[in-house]
Amino acid sequence: MANHSRACATRLTAYLHDLERRAGARALALQTSDSRSGWRRGLLCQLAEHRLLMPLDQVLGVLALPRTITAVPGTARWMLGIINRHGELLQVYDLRGLLLAELSGSQRRSMALVIAGTGQGFAVTVDRVLGLRRAHWDAPGATRTELPPALAATLIGDCVIDQARIPVVDPARIAQLPGLSLGLKPRTCRGSP
């Protein structure tokens, strides 16, 4: 019976390795075909009444806003605080307050996008994550007067999704905004998952 269990485990392991290899090859093929055809992937988000697309290669993760956020005294109102994510301390910013001058605070329905920053990651809150989208985007059109200036300063393009013109936001430009201070050094917490 032990030999039968060992054989089943070996077959299952081989099957999982083969499945992982095929999935990786398929993902690489899709990525290559997208880059040749001009398609790019982005994460569609809702921020107040604005729908925004963020390039997927700059978003490290999406998480529900944790209930406990450690406040940092003496910071701007749009800095919600710090959270521990897999042993890494991440600064969390209220994107509404930063880009739209509408402070929403930490709301239960808010989602946090973990962004690859320059030197360290950080997180920004959005009202909703609407899903992954593939789109062609080009340089932003004429100055978008309907957008707040801070939001317009982060745009790298426009795309069409569901017959609507959607601004494409560059998270690297968010990190460079004068109001965003990424002054804390990342630390690893011992004993954290």
C-alpha atoms as a PDB file:
ATOM      1  CA  MET A   1       0.000   0.000   0.000  1.00  0.00           C
ATOM      2  CA  ALA A   2       2.902   2.364   0.756  1.00  0.00           C
ATOM      3  CA  ASN A   3       4.285   1.761  -2.745  1.00  0.00           C
ATOM      4  CA  HIS A   4       0.884   2.583  -4.252  1.00  0.00           C
ATOM      5  CA  SER A   5       0.687   5.856  -2.272  1.00  0.00           C
ATOM      6  CA  ARG A   6       4.233   6.761  -3.247  1.00  0.00           C
ATOM      7  CA  ALA A   7       3.474   6.059  -6.924  1.00  0.00           C
ATOM      8  CA  CYS A   8       0.315   8.209  -6.749  1.00  0.00           C
ATOM      9  CA  ALA A   9       2.266  11.037  -5.119  1.00  0.00           C
ATOM     10  CA  THR A  10       4.978  10.791  -7.789  1.00  0.00           C
ATOM     11  CA  ARG A  11       2.402  10.882 -10.612  1.00  0.00           C
ATOM     12  CA  LEU A  12       0.609  13.826  -8.998  1.00  0.00           C
ATOM     13  CA  THR A  13       3.881  15.727  -8.576  1.00  0.00           C
ATOM     14  CA  ALA A  14       4.840  15.063 -12.207  1.00  0.00           C
ATOM     15  CA  TYR A  15       1.387  16.182 -13.358  1.00  0.00           C
ATOM     16  CA  LEU A  16       1.613  19.423 -11.334  1.00  0.00           C
ATOM     17  CA  HIS A  17       5.096  20.177 -12.698  1.00  0.00           C
ATOM     18  CA  ASP A  18       3.853  19.595 -16.248  1.00  0.00           C
ATOM     19  CA  LEU A  19       0.819  21.802 -15.635  1.00  0.00           C
ATOM     20  CA  GLU A  20       3.021  24.562 -14.219  1.00  0.00           C
ATOM     21  CA  ARG A  21       5.393  24.300 -17.216  1.00  0.00           C
ATOM     22  CA  ARG A  22       2.527  24.488 -19.728  1.00  0.00           C
ATOM     23  CA  ALA A  23       0.884  27.406 -17.904  1.00  0.00           C
ATOM     24  CA  GLY A  24       4.185  29.296 -17.867  1.00  0.00           C
ATOM     25  CA  ALA A  25       4.695  28.664 -21.575  1.00  0.00           C
ATOM     26  CA  ARG A  26       1.126  29.823 -22.328  1.00  0.00           C
ATOM     27  CA  ALA A  27       1.540  32.960 -20.206  1.00  0.00           C
ATOM     28  CA  LEU A  28       4.795  33.792 -22.001  1.00  0.00           C
ATOM     29  CA  ALA A  29       3.139  33.245 -25.391  1.00  0.00           C
ATOM     30  CA  LEU A  30       0.245  35.548 -24.438  1.00  0.00           C
ATOM     31  CA  GLN A  31       2.629  38.200 -23.156  1.00  0.00           C
ATOM     32  CA  THR A  32       4.696  38.014 -26.349  1.00  0.00           C
ATOM     33  CA  SER A  33       1.642  38.212 -28.609  1.00  0.00           C
ATOM     34  CA  ASP A  34       0.274  41.157 -26.608  1.00  0.00           C
ATOM     35  CA  SER A  35       3.531  43.093 -26.922  1.00  0.00           C
ATOM     36  CA  ARG A  36       3.685  42.480 -30.686  1.00  0.00           C
ATOM     37  CA  SER A  37       0.094  43.572 -31.287  1.00  0.00           C
ATOM     38  CA  GLY A  38       0.324  46.641 -29.043  1.00  0.00           C
ATOM     39  CA  TRP A  39      -2.057  45.313 -26.391  1.00  0.00           C
ATOM     40  CA  ARG A  40      -1.122  46.075 -22.820  1.00  0.00           C
ATOM     41  CA  ARG A  41      -2.619  44.904 -19.558  1.00  0.00           C
ATOM     42  CA  GLY A  42      -3.932  47.143 -16.862  1.00  0.00           C
ATOM     43  CA  LEU A  43      -5.953  47.118 -13.683  1.00  0.00           C
ATOM     44  CA  LEU A  44      -9.209  49.071 -14.015  1.00  0.00           C
ATOM     45  CA  CYS A  45     -10.106  50.943 -10.808  1.00  0.00           C
ATOM     46  CA  GLN A  46     -12.809  53.300  -9.604  1.00  0.00           C
ATOM     47  CA  LEU A  47     -11.778  56.446  -7.746  1.00  0.00           C
ATOM     48  CA  ALA A  48     -14.801  58.604  -6.887  1.00  0.00           C
ATOM     49  CA  GLU A  49     -16.518  59.142 -10.266  1.00  0.00           C
ATOM     50  CA  HIS A  50     -13.330  58.462 -12.249  1.00  0.00           C
ATOM     51  CA  ARG A  51     -12.429  55.133 -13.803  1.00  0.00           C
ATOM     52  CA  LEU A  52      -8.642  54.749 -14.108  1.00  0.00           C
ATOM     53  CA  LEU A  53      -6.364  52.137 -15.644  1.00  0.00           C
ATOM     54  CA  MET A  54      -2.999  51.330 -14.045  1.00  0.00           C
ATOM     55  CA  PRO A  55      -0.357  49.337 -15.940  1.00  0.00           C
ATOM     56  CA  LEU A  56      -0.339  45.840 -14.504  1.00  0.00           C
ATOM     57  CA  ASP A  57       3.450  45.564 -14.525  1.00  0.00           C
ATOM     58  CA  GLN A  58       3.630  48.263 -11.824  1.00  0.00           C
ATOM     59  CA  VAL A  59       0.964  46.832  -9.530  1.00  0.00           C
ATOM     60  CA  LEU A  60       2.450  44.258  -7.152  1.00  0.00           C
ATOM     61  CA  GLY A  61      -0.822  43.222  -5.559  1.00  0.00           C
ATOM     62  CA  VAL A  62      -4.357  44.052  -4.544  1.00  0.00           C
ATOM     63  CA  LEU A  63      -5.588  43.637  -0.997  1.00  0.00           C
ATOM     64  CA  ALA A  64      -8.594  44.556   1.072  1.00  0.00           C
ATOM     65  CA  LEU A  65      -7.739  47.496   3.257  1.00  0.00           C
ATOM     66  CA  PRO A  66      -6.751  46.033   6.643  1.00  0.00           C
ATOM     67  CA  ARG A  67      -8.769  47.038   9.685  1.00  0.00           C
ATOM     68  CA  THR A  68      -5.660  48.022  11.581  1.00  0.00           C
ATOM     69  CA  ILE A  69      -3.506  50.710  10.066  1.00  0.00           C
ATOM     70  CA  THR A  70      -0.816  52.233  12.242  1.00  0.00           C
ATOM     71  CA  ALA A  71      -1.069  56.016  12.054  1.00  0.00           C
ATOM     72  CA  VAL A  72       2.100  58.064  11.642  1.00  0.00           C
ATOM     73  CA  PRO A  73       2.024  61.361  13.570  1.00  0.00           C
ATOM     74  CA  GLY A  74       2.991  64.528  11.745  1.00  0.00           C
ATOM     75  CA  THR A  75       2.178  63.299   8.233  1.00  0.00           C
ATOM     76  CA  ALA A  76      -0.175  64.672   5.602  1.00  0.00           C
ATOM     77  CA  ARG A  77      -3.869  63.881   5.957  1.00  0.00           C
ATOM     78  CA  TRP A  78      -3.836  61.608   2.908  1.00  0.00           C
ATOM     79  CA  MET A  79      -1.268  59.305   4.495  1.00  0.00           C
ATOM     80  CA  LEU A  80      -3.445  56.759   6.242  1.00  0.00           C
ATOM     81  CA  GLY A  81      -0.533  55.038   7.961  1.00  0.00           C
ATOM     82  CA  ILE A  82       1.547  51.875   7.760  1.00  0.00           C
ATOM     83  CA  ILE A  83       0.541  48.237   7.376  1.00  0.00           C
ATOM     84  CA  ASN A  84       2.503  45.020   7.655  1.00  0.00           C
ATOM     85  CA  ARG A  85       2.266  42.941   4.482  1.00  0.00           C
ATOM     86  CA  HIS A  86       4.190  39.675   4.596  1.00  0.00           C
ATOM     87  CA  GLY A  87       6.759  41.164   6.958  1.00  0.00           C
ATOM     88  CA  GLU A  88       7.272  44.326   4.911  1.00  0.00           C
ATOM     89  CA  LEU A  89       6.080  47.708   6.150  1.00  0.00           C
ATOM     90  CA  LEU A  90       4.067  49.549   3.509  1.00  0.00           C
ATOM     91  CA  GLN A  91       2.920  53.128   3.634  1.00  0.00           C
ATOM     92  CA  VAL A  92      -0.763  53.497   2.710  1.00  0.00           C
ATOM     93  CA  TYR A  93      -2.032  56.645   0.989  1.00  0.00           C
ATOM     94  CA  ASP A  94      -5.596  57.781   0.364  1.00  0.00           C
ATOM     95  CA  LEU A  95      -5.514  58.271  -3.407  1.00  0.00           C
ATOM     96  CA  ARG A  96      -8.725  60.330  -3.313  1.00  0.00           C
ATOM     97  CA  GLY A  97      -7.131  62.813  -0.938  1.00  0.00           C
ATOM     98  CA  LEU A  98      -3.887  62.931  -2.861  1.00  0.00           C
ATOM     99  CA  LEU A  99      -5.235  63.232  -6.424  1.00  0.00           C
ATOM    100  CA  LEU A 100      -8.766  64.578  -6.010  1.00  0.00           C
ATOM    101  CA  ALA A 101      -8.484  66.561  -2.745  1.00  0.00           C
ATOM    102  CA  GLU A 102     -11.392  64.490  -1.388  1.00  0.00           C
ATOM    103  CA  LEU A 103     -10.324  62.724   1.772  1.00  0.00           C
ATOM    104  CA  SER A 104     -12.208  59.472   2.155  1.00  0.00           C
ATOM    105  CA  GLY A 105     -10.241  58.016   5.051  1.00  0.00           C
ATOM    106  CA  SER A 106     -10.024  54.295   5.517  1.00  0.00           C
ATOM    107  CA  GLN A 107     -13.339  52.865   4.487  1.00  0.00           C
ATOM    108  CA  ARG A 108     -14.266  49.231   4.721  1.00  0.00           C
ATOM    109  CA  ARG A 109     -15.019  49.037   1.020  1.00  0.00           C
ATOM    110  CA  SER A 110     -11.661  50.505   0.016  1.00  0.00           C
ATOM    111  CA  MET A 111      -9.100  48.339  -1.691  1.00  0.00           C
ATOM    112  CA  ALA A 112      -5.364  48.907  -1.499  1.00  0.00           C
ATOM    113  CA  LEU A 113      -3.147  48.558  -4.555  1.00  0.00           C
ATOM    114  CA  VAL A 114       0.441  47.687  -3.731  1.00  0.00           C
ATOM    115  CA  ILE A 115       2.608  49.726  -6.087  1.00  0.00           C
ATOM    116  CA  ALA A 116       6.229  49.193  -7.057  1.00  0.00           C
ATOM    117  CA  GLY A 117       7.876  52.404  -5.885  1.00  0.00           C
ATOM    118  CA  THR A 118      11.349  53.718  -6.469  1.00  0.00           C
ATOM    119  CA  GLY A 119      13.339  51.926  -3.778  1.00  0.00           C
ATOM    120  CA  GLN A 120      10.345  50.574  -1.874  1.00  0.00           C
ATOM    121  CA  GLY A 121       6.739  49.716  -2.499  1.00  0.00           C
ATOM    122  CA  PHE A 122       3.758  51.567  -1.120  1.00  0.00           C
ATOM    123  CA  ALA A 123      -0.008  51.175  -1.227  1.00  0.00           C
ATOM    124  CA  VAL A 124      -2.768  53.476  -2.407  1.00  0.00           C
ATOM    125  CA  THR A 125      -6.481  53.111  -1.740  1.00  0.00           C
ATOM    126  CA  VAL A 126      -9.111  53.049  -4.456  1.00  0.00           C
ATOM    127  CA  ASP A 127     -12.873  52.736  -4.080  1.00  0.00           C
ATOM    128  CA  ARG A 128     -13.194  49.595  -6.199  1.00  0.00           C
ATOM    129  CA  VAL A 129     -11.131  47.325  -8.385  1.00  0.00           C
ATOM    130  CA  LEU A 130     -13.124  46.594 -11.531  1.00  0.00           C
ATOM    131  CA  GLY A 131     -10.786  43.958 -12.946  1.00  0.00           C
ATOM    132  CA  LEU A 132      -8.014  43.293 -15.428  1.00  0.00           C
ATOM    133  CA  ARG A 133      -8.300  44.767 -18.909  1.00  0.00           C
ATOM    134  CA  ARG A 134      -6.322  44.508 -22.116  1.00  0.00           C
ATOM    135  CA  ALA A 135      -6.230  47.751 -24.055  1.00  0.00           C
ATOM    136  CA  HIS A 136      -4.239  49.808 -26.513  1.00  0.00           C
ATOM    137  CA  TRP A 137      -3.231  53.098 -25.020  1.00  0.00           C
ATOM    138  CA  ASP A 138      -1.604  56.066 -26.568  1.00  0.00           C
ATOM    139  CA  ALA A 139      -0.213  59.343 -25.319  1.00  0.00           C
ATOM    140  CA  PRO A 140      -2.785  61.398 -23.443  1.00  0.00           C
ATOM    141  CA  GLY A 141      -4.925  63.576 -25.669  1.00  0.00           C
ATOM    142  CA  ALA A 142      -5.343  67.283 -25.238  1.00  0.00           C
ATOM    143  CA  THR A 143      -5.213  68.549 -21.675  1.00  0.00           C
ATOM    144  CA  ARG A 144      -8.030  66.846 -19.827  1.00  0.00           C
ATOM    145  CA  THR A 145      -9.714  69.847 -18.251  1.00  0.00           C
ATOM    146  CA  GLU A 146     -12.357  67.687 -16.569  1.00  0.00           C
ATOM    147  CA  LEU A 147      -9.676  66.026 -14.424  1.00  0.00           C
ATOM    148  CA  PRO A 148      -8.182  67.543 -11.270  1.00  0.00           C
ATOM    149  CA  PRO A 149      -4.636  68.853 -11.904  1.00  0.00           C
ATOM    150  CA  ALA A 150      -2.937  66.318  -9.595  1.00  0.00           C
ATOM    151  CA  LEU A 151      -4.662  63.433 -11.405  1.00  0.00           C
ATOM    152  CA  ALA A 152      -3.861  64.899 -14.826  1.00  0.00           C
ATOM    153  CA  ALA A 153      -0.170  65.108 -13.799  1.00  0.00           C
ATOM    154  CA  THR A 154      -0.039  61.305 -13.359  1.00  0.00           C
ATOM    155  CA  LEU A 155      -1.409  60.379 -16.806  1.00  0.00           C
ATOM    156  CA  ILE A 156       0.694  58.517 -19.345  1.00  0.00           C
ATOM    157  CA  GLY A 157      -2.061  57.739 -21.801  1.00  0.00           C
ATOM    158  CA  ASP A 158      -5.667  57.220 -22.719  1.00  0.00           C
ATOM    159  CA  CYS A 159      -7.463  54.067 -23.786  1.00  0.00           C
ATOM    160  CA  VAL A 160     -10.967  53.036 -24.749  1.00  0.00           C
ATOM    161  CA  ILE A 161     -12.741  50.477 -22.569  1.00  0.00           C
ATOM    162  CA  ASP A 162     -16.434  49.729 -22.975  1.00  0.00           C
ATOM    163  CA  GLN A 163     -16.701  52.649 -25.432  1.00  0.00           C
ATOM    164  CA  ALA A 164     -15.503  55.126 -22.813  1.00  0.00           C
ATOM    165  CA  ARG A 165     -12.245  57.082 -22.793  1.00  0.00           C
ATOM    166  CA  ILE A 166     -10.266  55.966 -19.708  1.00  0.00           C
ATOM    167  CA  PRO A 167      -7.145  57.755 -18.405  1.00  0.00           C
ATOM    168  CA  VAL A 168      -4.074  55.570 -17.872  1.00  0.00           C
ATOM    169  CA  VAL A 169      -2.291  56.491 -14.624  1.00  0.00           C
ATOM    170  CA  ASP A 170       1.407  55.878 -14.071  1.00  0.00           C
ATOM    171  CA  PRO A 171       2.048  54.754 -10.463  1.00  0.00           C
ATOM    172  CA  ALA A 172       5.648  55.987 -10.785  1.00  0.00           C
ATOM    173  CA  ARG A 173       4.288  59.498 -11.324  1.00  0.00           C
ATOM    174  CA  ILE A 174       2.130  59.098  -8.215  1.00  0.00           C
ATOM    175  CA  ALA A 175       5.314  58.347  -6.258  1.00  0.00           C
ATOM    176  CA  GLN A 176       6.885  61.558  -7.607  1.00  0.00           C
ATOM    177  CA  LEU A 177       4.034  63.883  -6.624  1.00  0.00           C
ATOM    178  CA  PRO A 178       5.154  66.656  -4.259  1.00  0.00           C
ATOM    179  CA  GLY A 179       2.480  65.672  -1.733  1.00  0.00           C
ATOM    180  CA  LEU A 180       3.693  62.100  -1.435  1.00  0.00           C
ATOM    181  CA  SER A 181       6.520  61.612   1.003  1.00  0.00           C
ATOM    182  CA  LEU A 182       8.099  58.175   0.925  1.00  0.00           C
ATOM    183  CA  GLY A 183      10.556  58.981   3.660  1.00  0.00           C
ATOM    184  CA  LEU A 184      10.245  55.836   5.754  1.00  0.00           C
ATOM    185  CA  LYS A 185      12.716  53.078   5.155  1.00  0.00           C
ATOM    186  CA  PRO A 186      11.330  49.578   4.573  1.00  0.00           C
ATOM    187  CA  ARG A 187      11.870  47.185   7.454  1.00  0.00           C
ATOM    188  CA  THR A 188      11.232  43.527   7.913  1.00  0.00           C
ATOM    189  CA  CYS A 189       9.294  42.448  10.981  1.00  0.00           C
ATOM    190  CA  ARG A 190      10.572  39.252  12.568  1.00  0.00           C
ATOM    191  CA  GLY A 191       8.057  36.552  13.166  1.00  0.00           C
ATOM    192  CA  SER A 192       5.572  37.871  10.611  1.00  0.00           C
ATOM    193  CA  PRO A 193       4.168  35.604   7.905  1.00  0.00           C
END
